[in-house]
Amino acid sequence: FCNAAFVTFNTVSTAVKATDTPITNEDTWRVEKTTRPTAILWENLCTQPSGETQATLTLLSQAAIASIIIFWSVPFAFGAALANLSTLGDKYPFLSGAEDIPAGAAAIIEGLGPTLWRILLTAMVEPMFYYIISWRLMTKESELEHA
């Protein structure tokens, strides 16, 4: 048995009337505007994981998010190192070819490199968090978008 129902209305006014109509004395019903039917993850709608499973999923997702936050500083620091190619070539022999880059190209890499690197890393954060949160068996994609 699944404790969910989806009701559609032909007009907005009937939907508003239904929303304002008390259904029971208890506060067990939740009426909200839904998303398009294709955005509902139907296979997860009635999935009720056990408390132990839910706790494990919560712990794993929180650990993954904490790890990303803590270890995200390493690639960000690498981006800052791009701002000084000559120092990289001096300290790391395998990067000694960085000193041979023409001055104009080096200026572009040193000026735009760190910024572009950080933009790339920042763009990767949202899809990673979206995937991690989806482990928690949300029922609608829109719930993930608002999380």
N, C-alpha and C. Protein backbone atom coordinates (compact mmCIF):
# COMPACT_ATOMS: atom_id res chain seq x y z
N PHE A 1 0.84 -1.17 0.00
CA PHE A 1 0.00 0.00 0.00
C PHE A 1 0.88 1.23 0.00
N CYS A 2 0.56 2.17 -0.84
CA CYS A 2 1.36 3.38 -0.98
C CYS A 2 0.58 4.58 -0.45
N ASN A 3 1.17 5.35 0.40
CA ASN A 3 0.50 6.51 0.98
C ASN A 3 0.74 7.77 0.16
N ALA A 4 0.41 7.71 -1.09
CA ALA A 4 0.57 8.88 -1.95
C ALA A 4 -0.56 8.90 -2.96
N ALA A 5 -0.97 10.10 -3.32
CA ALA A 5 -2.01 10.26 -4.33
C ALA A 5 -1.68 11.48 -5.16
N PHE A 6 -1.99 11.40 -6.44
CA PHE A 6 -1.81 12.52 -7.32
C PHE A 6 -3.16 12.84 -7.94
N VAL A 7 -3.62 14.04 -7.72
CA VAL A 7 -4.92 14.47 -8.23
C VAL A 7 -4.66 15.63 -9.18
N THR A 8 -5.29 15.59 -10.33
CA THR A 8 -5.15 16.69 -11.28
C THR A 8 -6.48 17.41 -11.42
N PHE A 9 -6.40 18.68 -11.73
CA PHE A 9 -7.59 19.51 -11.87
C PHE A 9 -7.59 20.15 -13.25
N ASN A 10 -8.79 20.41 -13.75
CA ASN A 10 -8.91 21.02 -15.07
C ASN A 10 -8.66 22.52 -15.05
N THR A 11 -8.94 23.15 -13.92
CA THR A 11 -8.74 24.60 -13.83
C THR A 11 -7.97 24.94 -12.57
N VAL A 12 -7.37 26.10 -12.58
CA VAL A 12 -6.62 26.55 -11.41
C VAL A 12 -7.56 26.85 -10.26
N SER A 13 -8.73 27.37 -10.54
CA SER A 13 -9.66 27.72 -9.46
C SER A 13 -10.10 26.49 -8.68
N THR A 14 -10.35 25.37 -9.35
CA THR A 14 -10.73 24.16 -8.61
C THR A 14 -9.57 23.63 -7.79
N ALA A 15 -8.37 23.79 -8.30
CA ALA A 15 -7.19 23.35 -7.54
C ALA A 15 -7.03 24.20 -6.29
N VAL A 16 -7.27 25.51 -6.40
CA VAL A 16 -7.17 26.40 -5.24
C VAL A 16 -8.25 26.04 -4.22
N LYS A 17 -9.47 25.77 -4.68
CA LYS A 17 -10.55 25.39 -3.77
C LYS A 17 -10.20 24.09 -3.04
N ALA A 18 -9.65 23.14 -3.76
CA ALA A 18 -9.28 21.86 -3.14
C ALA A 18 -8.17 22.06 -2.12
N THR A 19 -7.25 22.94 -2.41
CA THR A 19 -6.15 23.19 -1.48
C THR A 19 -6.66 23.83 -0.20
N ASP A 20 -7.66 24.71 -0.32
CA ASP A 20 -8.19 25.41 0.85
C ASP A 20 -9.23 24.61 1.62
N THR A 21 -9.67 23.49 1.10
CA THR A 21 -10.68 22.68 1.76
C THR A 21 -10.03 21.76 2.78
N PRO A 22 -10.45 21.83 4.04
CA PRO A 22 -9.87 20.91 5.03
C PRO A 22 -10.34 19.48 4.74
N ILE A 23 -9.42 18.56 4.69
CA ILE A 23 -9.75 17.18 4.36
C ILE A 23 -10.04 16.37 5.62
N THR A 24 -9.18 16.53 6.61
CA THR A 24 -9.36 15.85 7.89
C THR A 24 -9.00 16.81 9.00
N ASN A 25 -9.28 16.38 10.23
CA ASN A 25 -8.89 17.19 11.38
C ASN A 25 -7.40 17.05 11.68
N GLU A 26 -6.83 15.97 11.20
CA GLU A 26 -5.42 15.72 11.44
C GLU A 26 -4.59 16.42 10.37
N ASP A 27 -3.37 16.70 10.72
CA ASP A 27 -2.47 17.38 9.78
C ASP A 27 -1.61 16.33 9.05
N THR A 28 -2.27 15.36 8.43
CA THR A 28 -1.54 14.29 7.76
C THR A 28 -1.50 14.45 6.25
N TRP A 29 -2.26 15.37 5.71
CA TRP A 29 -2.31 15.58 4.27
C TRP A 29 -1.44 16.76 3.90
N ARG A 30 -0.76 16.61 2.82
CA ARG A 30 0.05 17.69 2.29
C ARG A 30 -0.37 17.93 0.86
N VAL A 31 -0.80 19.13 0.58
CA VAL A 31 -1.24 19.49 -0.77
C VAL A 31 -0.22 20.48 -1.32
N GLU A 32 0.31 20.16 -2.44
CA GLU A 32 1.28 21.04 -3.07
C GLU A 32 1.23 20.90 -4.58
N LYS A 33 1.71 21.92 -5.22
CA LYS A 33 1.78 21.86 -6.68
C LYS A 33 2.87 20.87 -7.05
N THR A 34 2.56 20.00 -7.95
CA THR A 34 3.53 18.99 -8.34
C THR A 34 4.23 19.39 -9.62
N THR A 35 5.20 18.62 -9.95
CA THR A 35 5.94 18.85 -11.19
C THR A 35 5.30 18.02 -12.29
N ARG A 36 5.90 18.05 -13.42
CA ARG A 36 5.41 17.24 -14.53
C ARG A 36 5.56 15.75 -14.17
N PRO A 37 4.69 14.90 -14.66
CA PRO A 37 4.75 13.47 -14.30
C PRO A 37 6.07 12.80 -14.65
N THR A 38 6.77 13.31 -15.66
CA THR A 38 8.04 12.69 -16.03
C THR A 38 9.13 13.00 -15.01
N ALA A 39 8.91 14.00 -14.14
CA ALA A 39 9.92 14.35 -13.14
C ALA A 39 9.77 13.52 -11.86
N ILE A 40 8.73 12.74 -11.77
CA ILE A 40 8.52 11.91 -10.58
C ILE A 40 9.25 10.59 -10.77
N LEU A 41 10.04 10.22 -9.81
CA LEU A 41 10.75 8.95 -9.84
C LEU A 41 9.79 7.88 -9.30
N TRP A 42 8.97 7.35 -10.19
CA TRP A 42 7.89 6.45 -9.79
C TRP A 42 8.39 5.22 -9.05
N GLU A 43 9.55 4.70 -9.43
CA GLU A 43 10.06 3.51 -8.76
C GLU A 43 10.44 3.78 -7.31
N ASN A 44 10.64 5.04 -6.95
CA ASN A 44 11.00 5.39 -5.58
C ASN A 44 9.82 5.92 -4.77
N LEU A 45 8.68 6.07 -5.40
CA LEU A 45 7.55 6.73 -4.76
C LEU A 45 7.13 6.03 -3.47
N CYS A 46 6.99 4.74 -3.50
CA CYS A 46 6.51 4.01 -2.32
C CYS A 46 7.62 3.26 -1.61
N THR A 47 8.83 3.55 -1.97
CA THR A 47 9.95 2.89 -1.33
C THR A 47 10.12 3.45 0.07
N GLN A 48 9.99 2.61 1.04
CA GLN A 48 10.15 3.00 2.43
C GLN A 48 11.31 2.20 3.01
N PRO A 49 12.53 2.75 2.93
CA PRO A 49 13.65 2.00 3.47
C PRO A 49 13.54 1.88 5.00
N SER A 50 14.14 0.85 5.52
CA SER A 50 14.12 0.66 6.97
C SER A 50 14.89 1.80 7.63
N GLY A 51 14.67 1.98 8.90
CA GLY A 51 15.36 3.04 9.63
C GLY A 51 16.87 2.87 9.58
N GLU A 52 17.32 1.62 9.65
CA GLU A 52 18.75 1.34 9.61
C GLU A 52 19.32 1.68 8.23
N THR A 53 18.59 1.33 7.18
CA THR A 53 19.05 1.63 5.82
C THR A 53 19.08 3.14 5.61
N GLN A 54 18.05 3.83 6.04
CA GLN A 54 18.00 5.29 5.89
C GLN A 54 19.13 5.96 6.68
N ALA A 55 19.41 5.46 7.87
CA ALA A 55 20.50 6.02 8.68
C ALA A 55 21.84 5.80 8.00
N THR A 56 22.02 4.62 7.40
CA THR A 56 23.26 4.32 6.69
C THR A 56 23.42 5.22 5.48
N LEU A 57 22.35 5.38 4.72
CA LEU A 57 22.41 6.26 3.54
C LEU A 57 22.70 7.70 3.94
N THR A 58 22.08 8.13 5.02
CA THR A 58 22.32 9.49 5.50
C THR A 58 23.77 9.67 5.93
N LEU A 59 24.29 8.70 6.66
CA LEU A 59 25.68 8.77 7.12
C LEU A 59 26.65 8.77 5.95
N LEU A 60 26.40 7.90 4.97
CA LEU A 60 27.28 7.84 3.80
C LEU A 60 27.24 9.14 2.99
N SER A 61 26.06 9.68 2.81
CA SER A 61 25.97 10.91 2.02
C SER A 61 26.61 12.07 2.78
N GLN A 62 26.45 12.15 4.09
CA GLN A 62 27.08 13.21 4.86
C GLN A 62 28.60 13.06 4.86
N ALA A 63 29.09 11.82 4.93
CA ALA A 63 30.54 11.58 4.88
C ALA A 63 31.10 11.97 3.51
N ALA A 64 30.37 11.65 2.45
CA ALA A 64 30.83 12.02 1.11
C ALA A 64 30.87 13.53 0.94
N ILE A 65 29.85 14.22 1.42
CA ILE A 65 29.82 15.68 1.31
C ILE A 65 30.92 16.30 2.16
N ALA A 66 31.14 15.80 3.37
CA ALA A 66 32.21 16.32 4.23
C ALA A 66 33.58 16.10 3.58
N SER A 67 33.78 14.93 2.96
CA SER A 67 35.05 14.64 2.29
C SER A 67 35.28 15.59 1.13
N ILE A 68 34.23 15.84 0.37
CA ILE A 68 34.37 16.78 -0.75
C ILE A 68 34.74 18.16 -0.24
N ILE A 69 34.09 18.61 0.81
CA ILE A 69 34.38 19.94 1.36
C ILE A 69 35.81 20.01 1.87
N ILE A 70 36.25 19.00 2.59
CA ILE A 70 37.60 19.01 3.17
C ILE A 70 38.67 18.90 2.10
N PHE A 71 38.53 17.95 1.18
CA PHE A 71 39.58 17.70 0.20
C PHE A 71 39.49 18.57 -1.05
N TRP A 72 38.49 19.42 -1.12
CA TRP A 72 38.34 20.30 -2.28
C TRP A 72 39.44 21.36 -2.30
N SER A 73 40.08 21.60 -1.18
CA SER A 73 41.12 22.62 -1.12
C SER A 73 42.36 22.21 -1.91
N VAL A 74 42.61 20.92 -2.08
CA VAL A 74 43.80 20.48 -2.82
C VAL A 74 43.73 20.90 -4.28
N PRO A 75 42.65 20.59 -5.01
CA PRO A 75 42.62 21.07 -6.40
C PRO A 75 42.54 22.60 -6.51
N PHE A 76 41.92 23.24 -5.53
CA PHE A 76 41.89 24.70 -5.56
C PHE A 76 43.29 25.27 -5.39
N ALA A 77 44.09 24.66 -4.52
CA ALA A 77 45.47 25.11 -4.34
C ALA A 77 46.28 24.90 -5.61
N PHE A 78 46.02 23.80 -6.30
CA PHE A 78 46.71 23.58 -7.58
C PHE A 78 46.39 24.70 -8.56
N GLY A 79 45.15 25.15 -8.56
CA GLY A 79 44.77 26.26 -9.44
C GLY A 79 45.53 27.53 -9.10
N ALA A 80 45.77 27.77 -7.82
CA ALA A 80 46.54 28.95 -7.41
C ALA A 80 47.99 28.83 -7.88
N ALA A 81 48.51 27.61 -7.92
CA ALA A 81 49.90 27.41 -8.37
C ALA A 81 50.07 27.75 -9.85
N LEU A 82 49.00 27.68 -10.62
CA LEU A 82 49.10 28.04 -12.03
C LEU A 82 49.43 29.52 -12.24
N ALA A 83 49.26 30.31 -11.21
CA ALA A 83 49.51 31.75 -11.33
C ALA A 83 50.99 32.07 -11.40
N ASN A 84 51.85 31.12 -11.14
CA ASN A 84 53.29 31.38 -11.17
C ASN A 84 54.01 30.20 -11.80
N LEU A 85 54.02 30.15 -13.13
CA LEU A 85 54.60 29.02 -13.85
C LEU A 85 56.11 28.91 -13.67
N SER A 86 56.83 30.03 -13.56
CA SER A 86 58.29 29.96 -13.44
C SER A 86 58.69 29.31 -12.13
N THR A 87 57.98 29.58 -11.06
CA THR A 87 58.29 28.95 -9.77
C THR A 87 58.00 27.45 -9.83
N LEU A 88 56.94 27.07 -10.53
CA LEU A 88 56.64 25.64 -10.68
C LEU A 88 57.76 24.92 -11.40
N GLY A 89 58.28 25.56 -12.46
CA GLY A 89 59.39 24.95 -13.21
C GLY A 89 60.64 24.81 -12.37
N ASP A 90 60.89 25.75 -11.46
CA ASP A 90 62.08 25.68 -10.59
C ASP A 90 61.95 24.58 -9.55
N LYS A 91 60.77 24.43 -8.97
CA LYS A 91 60.59 23.48 -7.88
C LYS A 91 60.37 22.04 -8.34
N TYR A 92 59.75 21.88 -9.50
CA TYR A 92 59.42 20.54 -9.99
C TYR A 92 60.08 20.32 -11.34
N PRO A 93 61.09 19.46 -11.39
CA PRO A 93 61.84 19.27 -12.63
C PRO A 93 60.98 18.81 -13.82
N PHE A 94 59.95 18.03 -13.57
CA PHE A 94 59.12 17.57 -14.68
C PHE A 94 58.31 18.70 -15.30
N LEU A 95 58.25 19.86 -14.64
CA LEU A 95 57.56 21.02 -15.19
C LEU A 95 58.55 22.09 -15.67
N SER A 96 59.81 21.69 -15.87
CA SER A 96 60.81 22.67 -16.27
C SER A 96 60.52 23.27 -17.64
N GLY A 97 59.74 22.59 -18.45
CA GLY A 97 59.36 23.12 -19.76
C GLY A 97 58.44 24.32 -19.67
N ALA A 98 57.89 24.58 -18.50
CA ALA A 98 57.01 25.73 -18.32
C ALA A 98 57.75 27.04 -18.51
N GLU A 99 59.07 27.04 -18.28
CA GLU A 99 59.87 28.25 -18.46
C GLU A 99 60.06 28.59 -19.93
N ASP A 100 59.88 27.60 -20.81
CA ASP A 100 60.08 27.81 -22.24
C ASP A 100 58.83 28.31 -22.95
N ILE A 101 57.74 28.43 -22.24
CA ILE A 101 56.49 28.93 -22.84
C ILE A 101 56.68 30.40 -23.17
N PRO A 102 56.28 30.84 -24.37
CA PRO A 102 56.41 32.27 -24.72
C PRO A 102 55.74 33.17 -23.68
N ALA A 103 56.25 34.35 -23.52
CA ALA A 103 55.80 35.27 -22.47
C ALA A 103 54.30 35.58 -22.59
N GLY A 104 53.82 35.77 -23.82
CA GLY A 104 52.39 36.08 -24.01
C GLY A 104 51.50 34.93 -23.58
N ALA A 105 51.88 33.72 -23.97
CA ALA A 105 51.10 32.53 -23.58
C ALA A 105 51.18 32.31 -22.08
N ALA A 106 52.36 32.51 -21.49
CA ALA A 106 52.52 32.34 -20.04
C ALA A 106 51.64 33.35 -19.30
N ALA A 107 51.58 34.58 -19.82
CA ALA A 107 50.75 35.60 -19.17
C ALA A 107 49.28 35.21 -19.21
N ILE A 108 48.84 34.65 -20.33
CA ILE A 108 47.44 34.21 -20.45
C ILE A 108 47.16 33.05 -19.49
N ILE A 109 48.08 32.08 -19.45
CA ILE A 109 47.90 30.93 -18.56
C ILE A 109 47.91 31.37 -17.09
N GLU A 110 48.87 32.22 -16.74
CA GLU A 110 48.96 32.68 -15.36
C GLU A 110 47.79 33.58 -14.97
N GLY A 111 47.24 34.32 -15.94
CA GLY A 111 46.13 35.22 -15.64
C GLY A 111 44.78 34.53 -15.63
N LEU A 112 44.54 33.72 -16.66
CA LEU A 112 43.23 33.07 -16.78
C LEU A 112 43.19 31.66 -16.22
N GLY A 113 44.34 31.01 -16.17
CA GLY A 113 44.40 29.61 -15.73
C GLY A 113 43.75 29.35 -14.39
N PRO A 114 44.15 30.07 -13.33
CA PRO A 114 43.55 29.81 -12.02
C PRO A 114 42.04 30.05 -12.00
N THR A 115 41.61 31.11 -12.69
CA THR A 115 40.18 31.42 -12.71
C THR A 115 39.40 30.35 -13.44
N LEU A 116 39.88 29.94 -14.61
CA LEU A 116 39.19 28.90 -15.38
C LEU A 116 39.18 27.57 -14.63
N TRP A 117 40.29 27.26 -13.96
CA TRP A 117 40.36 26.03 -13.17
C TRP A 117 39.33 26.03 -12.05
N ARG A 118 39.19 27.17 -11.35
CA ARG A 118 38.21 27.26 -10.27
C ARG A 118 36.78 27.23 -10.80
N ILE A 119 36.56 27.82 -11.95
CA ILE A 119 35.22 27.74 -12.56
C ILE A 119 34.87 26.30 -12.88
N LEU A 120 35.83 25.56 -13.43
CA LEU A 120 35.61 24.14 -13.75
C LEU A 120 35.30 23.34 -12.49
N LEU A 121 36.07 23.56 -11.44
CA LEU A 121 35.84 22.83 -10.19
C LEU A 121 34.49 23.18 -9.58
N THR A 122 34.14 24.45 -9.61
CA THR A 122 32.86 24.89 -9.06
C THR A 122 31.70 24.31 -9.85
N ALA A 123 31.85 24.21 -11.16
CA ALA A 123 30.79 23.62 -12.00
C ALA A 123 30.60 22.14 -11.70
N MET A 124 31.62 21.47 -11.18
CA MET A 124 31.52 20.05 -10.88
C MET A 124 30.83 19.78 -9.54
N VAL A 125 30.77 20.78 -8.67
CA VAL A 125 30.23 20.57 -7.32
C VAL A 125 28.75 20.22 -7.37
N GLU A 126 27.96 20.99 -8.10
CA GLU A 126 26.50 20.77 -8.12
C GLU A 126 26.13 19.38 -8.63
N PRO A 127 26.69 18.89 -9.75
CA PRO A 127 26.33 17.52 -10.16
C PRO A 127 26.75 16.45 -9.15
N MET A 128 27.89 16.66 -8.49
CA MET A 128 28.31 15.67 -7.49
C MET A 128 27.35 15.65 -6.31
N PHE A 129 26.97 16.82 -5.80
CA PHE A 129 26.04 16.87 -4.68
C PHE A 129 24.67 16.34 -5.11
N TYR A 130 24.24 16.62 -6.32
CA TYR A 130 22.97 16.12 -6.83
C TYR A 130 22.97 14.58 -6.80
N TYR A 131 24.05 13.98 -7.25
CA TYR A 131 24.14 12.52 -7.27
C TYR A 131 24.15 11.96 -5.84
N ILE A 132 24.90 12.60 -4.96
CA ILE A 132 24.97 12.11 -3.58
C ILE A 132 23.61 12.21 -2.89
N ILE A 133 22.93 13.32 -3.08
CA ILE A 133 21.62 13.48 -2.46
C ILE A 133 20.61 12.50 -3.04
N SER A 134 20.75 12.15 -4.31
CA SER A 134 19.82 11.20 -4.92
C SER A 134 19.92 9.81 -4.31
N TRP A 135 21.00 9.53 -3.61
CA TRP A 135 21.12 8.25 -2.89
C TRP A 135 20.05 8.13 -1.83
N ARG A 136 19.56 9.23 -1.34
CA ARG A 136 18.65 9.23 -0.21
C ARG A 136 17.22 8.88 -0.60
N LEU A 137 17.00 8.42 -1.82
CA LEU A 137 15.70 7.94 -2.29
C LEU A 137 14.62 9.02 -2.29
N MET A 138 14.94 10.15 -2.88
CA MET A 138 13.93 11.19 -3.04
C MET A 138 12.88 10.69 -4.04
N THR A 139 11.69 11.22 -3.94
CA THR A 139 10.63 10.74 -4.82
C THR A 139 10.49 11.58 -6.08
N LYS A 140 10.96 12.81 -6.04
CA LYS A 140 10.82 13.66 -7.20
C LYS A 140 12.14 14.35 -7.50
N GLU A 141 12.44 14.52 -8.77
CA GLU A 141 13.64 15.25 -9.14
C GLU A 141 13.59 16.67 -8.61
N SER A 142 12.39 17.26 -8.56
CA SER A 142 12.26 18.63 -8.09
C SER A 142 12.65 18.75 -6.63
N GLU A 143 12.48 17.69 -5.82
CA GLU A 143 12.91 17.75 -4.44
C GLU A 143 14.43 17.87 -4.38
N LEU A 144 15.12 17.23 -5.31
CA LEU A 144 16.56 17.35 -5.36
C LEU A 144 16.96 18.76 -5.76
N GLU A 145 16.21 19.36 -6.67
CA GLU A 145 16.55 20.69 -7.15
C GLU A 145 16.36 21.72 -6.07
N HIS A 146 15.46 21.47 -5.10
CA HIS A 146 15.21 22.44 -4.04
C HIS A 146 16.03 22.13 -2.79
N ALA A 147 16.73 21.02 -2.78
CA ALA A 147 17.49 20.63 -1.59
C ALA A 147 18.75 21.45 -1.46
